[in-house]
Each structure stands twice: as C-alpha cells, then as structure tokens.
Amino acid sequence: MNFALLILGPPYSTQASASALRFARATLAGGHGIYRLFFYHDGVHNASALVTAGQDESTLPEQWQQLIEAHRLDSVVCIAAATRRGVLDQQQSKRLGKAGNNLGDGHELSGLGQLVDAGLNADRVITFG
C-alpha cells in the first residue's frame, strides 16, 4: 500500500509530528511505500533547519530529515503556510528580501496542488494534526 502523510502539527506542542514520524517508520519497515509527505499549517516548522531541542530531547525536524534522506521520500512544504511562519528556502528568501533561509535539506516548497496530487496517487492519505 502507498500512503501520503499530511502533517499539520508542529514539532513539539502536539504529538502530531512524533506520531506521523512513528507511522512513517512503521509503514516503511512493513514494506509499504510513502508517496509524499506534505507539511501544512504549523506542521511546516518540522521542515525548519533552525529548530533545536533541549539536550535531553530528540530534534524531530532532524529525524524527519534523516528519514527523508534515507528513503528518498518526497517531502513538500506548503509555500503559503511556510512563508507566513518564516520557513523559507533560498529563492523565497531572496524574493522577499529576507536576510536568510532555513528550509531543511530534503524538503521543497510548493503549493496545495501537490497535496491534491498525493490524494490522487496514494492509496490512502493519513492526516496527523
């Protein structure tokens, strides 16, 4: 079975991101596929390279990045939601006249059409948030 995951929750104030990450790992370990990860609303913070956890905590954005790289997953971050929340790639940062960018490696900014595409091409879309 091929899944698409819609992640709406931020890394630390809800369990949504951690639950989605555990689901993604279990899905891949079970021999299933993930068509796309789509980070939306406050879930876009999971794609920020600047999020840092305390010394005794794991950094969820880093764990997402490792999973994406290890399994070559398609990870899309809603460009409108990300821009509103200060999660920018180099191109958006330049376009908006900002001093820097913070979109983590392995993620790409794109629009809601990518979520629609995921819904059409995955067997199931699972929402976390």
Protein backbone atom coordinates (compact mmCIF):
# COMPACT_ATOMS: atom_id res chain seq x y z
CA MET A 1 0.00 0.00 0.00
CA ASN A 2 1.19 3.50 -0.81
CA PHE A 3 0.49 6.30 1.68
CA ALA A 4 0.58 10.08 1.66
CA LEU A 5 1.01 11.79 5.02
CA LEU A 6 -0.39 15.22 5.81
CA ILE A 7 1.40 16.65 8.84
CA LEU A 8 -0.35 19.63 10.42
CA GLY A 9 1.20 19.71 13.89
CA PRO A 10 4.40 21.47 14.91
CA PRO A 11 7.37 19.55 16.28
CA TYR A 12 6.80 19.99 19.99
CA SER A 13 3.48 21.47 21.15
CA THR A 14 1.43 18.48 19.96
CA GLN A 15 2.04 14.77 19.40
CA ALA A 16 1.07 15.02 15.72
CA SER A 17 4.58 15.23 14.28
CA ALA A 18 6.02 12.50 16.50
CA SER A 19 3.06 10.23 15.72
CA ALA A 20 3.44 10.85 11.99
CA LEU A 21 7.15 10.07 12.18
CA ARG A 22 6.49 6.79 14.02
CA PHE A 23 3.79 5.90 11.48
CA ALA A 24 6.14 6.65 8.58
CA ARG A 25 8.88 4.48 10.05
CA ALA A 26 6.47 1.59 10.70
CA THR A 27 4.99 1.93 7.22
CA LEU A 28 8.39 1.71 5.55
CA ALA A 29 9.54 -1.10 7.84
CA GLY A 30 6.39 -3.03 6.90
CA GLY A 31 7.29 -2.88 3.22
CA HIS A 32 4.76 -0.21 2.26
CA GLY A 33 5.54 3.00 0.42
CA ILE A 34 5.12 6.68 1.11
CA TYR A 35 4.15 8.64 -1.97
CA ARG A 36 4.58 12.04 -0.35
CA LEU A 37 4.94 13.87 2.94
CA PHE A 38 3.05 17.15 2.96
CA PHE A 39 3.72 19.63 5.77
CA TYR A 40 0.95 22.20 6.20
CA HIS A 41 -0.26 24.77 8.77
CA ASP A 42 2.06 24.71 11.81
CA GLY A 43 3.47 21.43 10.53
CA VAL A 44 5.80 23.48 8.32
CA HIS A 45 8.02 24.04 11.37
CA ASN A 46 9.08 20.38 11.02
CA ALA A 47 10.99 21.47 7.90
CA SER A 48 12.97 24.23 9.60
CA ALA A 49 16.69 23.63 9.88
CA LEU A 50 16.82 26.02 12.85
CA VAL A 51 14.63 24.09 15.30
CA THR A 52 16.76 22.86 18.19
CA ALA A 53 15.65 20.65 21.08
CA GLY A 54 16.99 20.59 24.62
CA GLN A 55 19.97 18.39 25.45
CA ASP A 56 17.79 15.54 26.69
CA GLU A 57 15.31 15.68 23.79
CA SER A 58 15.42 14.48 20.22
CA THR A 59 15.08 17.01 17.44
CA LEU A 60 12.07 15.98 15.37
CA PRO A 61 12.96 18.07 12.30
CA GLU A 62 16.36 16.34 12.17
CA GLN A 63 14.67 12.94 12.46
CA TRP A 64 12.33 13.85 9.60
CA GLN A 65 15.30 14.95 7.51
CA GLN A 66 17.15 11.69 8.20
CA LEU A 67 14.10 9.62 7.24
CA ILE A 68 13.58 11.63 4.05
CA GLU A 69 17.22 11.21 3.03
CA ALA A 70 17.45 7.52 3.97
CA HIS A 71 14.33 6.57 1.99
CA ARG A 72 14.47 9.29 -0.66
CA LEU A 73 10.99 10.47 0.24
CA ASP A 74 9.19 13.29 -1.49
CA SER A 75 8.73 15.98 1.15
CA VAL A 76 6.66 19.02 0.24
CA VAL A 77 6.13 22.04 2.47
CA CYS A 78 3.19 24.32 1.69
CA ILE A 79 4.76 27.52 0.42
CA ALA A 80 1.99 29.83 1.68
CA ALA A 81 1.92 28.33 5.18
CA ALA A 82 5.72 28.27 5.35
CA THR A 83 6.15 31.86 4.22
CA ARG A 84 3.65 33.07 6.84
CA ARG A 85 5.62 31.23 9.52
CA GLY A 86 9.11 32.25 8.43
CA VAL A 87 10.20 28.95 6.89
CA LEU A 88 11.94 29.97 3.67
CA ASP A 89 14.17 28.43 1.05
CA GLN A 90 16.91 30.47 -0.60
CA GLN A 91 14.71 31.50 -3.54
CA GLN A 92 11.82 32.70 -1.36
CA SER A 93 14.19 34.49 0.99
CA LYS A 94 15.72 36.41 -1.89
CA ARG A 95 12.33 37.15 -3.47
CA LEU A 96 11.00 38.53 -0.18
CA GLY A 97 14.17 40.46 0.68
CA LYS A 98 14.93 38.44 3.82
CA ALA A 99 18.38 38.01 5.31
CA GLY A 100 18.49 34.22 5.33
CA ASN A 101 16.74 30.93 4.76
CA ASN A 102 16.02 27.96 6.97
CA LEU A 103 14.30 25.24 4.95
CA GLY A 104 15.94 21.95 5.80
CA ASP A 105 17.59 19.75 3.20
CA GLY A 106 15.32 17.26 1.51
CA HIS A 107 12.23 19.48 1.63
CA GLU A 108 10.79 21.59 -1.16
CA LEU A 109 8.35 24.48 -1.05
CA SER A 110 5.33 24.06 -3.27
CA GLY A 111 1.59 24.63 -3.40
CA LEU A 112 -1.55 22.74 -2.47
CA GLY A 113 -1.62 21.14 -5.89
CA GLN A 114 1.00 18.75 -4.54
CA LEU A 115 -1.43 17.68 -1.79
CA VAL A 116 -4.17 17.12 -4.38
CA ASP A 117 -1.73 15.07 -6.45
CA ALA A 118 -0.87 12.99 -3.38
CA GLY A 119 -4.55 12.32 -2.79
CA LEU A 120 -4.96 11.13 -6.36
CA ASN A 121 -1.87 8.91 -6.44
CA ALA A 122 -1.65 7.41 -2.95
CA ASP A 123 -3.89 4.58 -1.78
CA ARG A 124 -4.55 6.42 1.48
CA VAL A 125 -3.93 9.93 2.83
CA ILE A 126 -3.37 9.93 6.58
CA THR A 127 -3.66 13.23 8.45
CA PHE A 128 -1.72 13.99 11.64
CA GLY A 129 -2.75 17.10 13.48
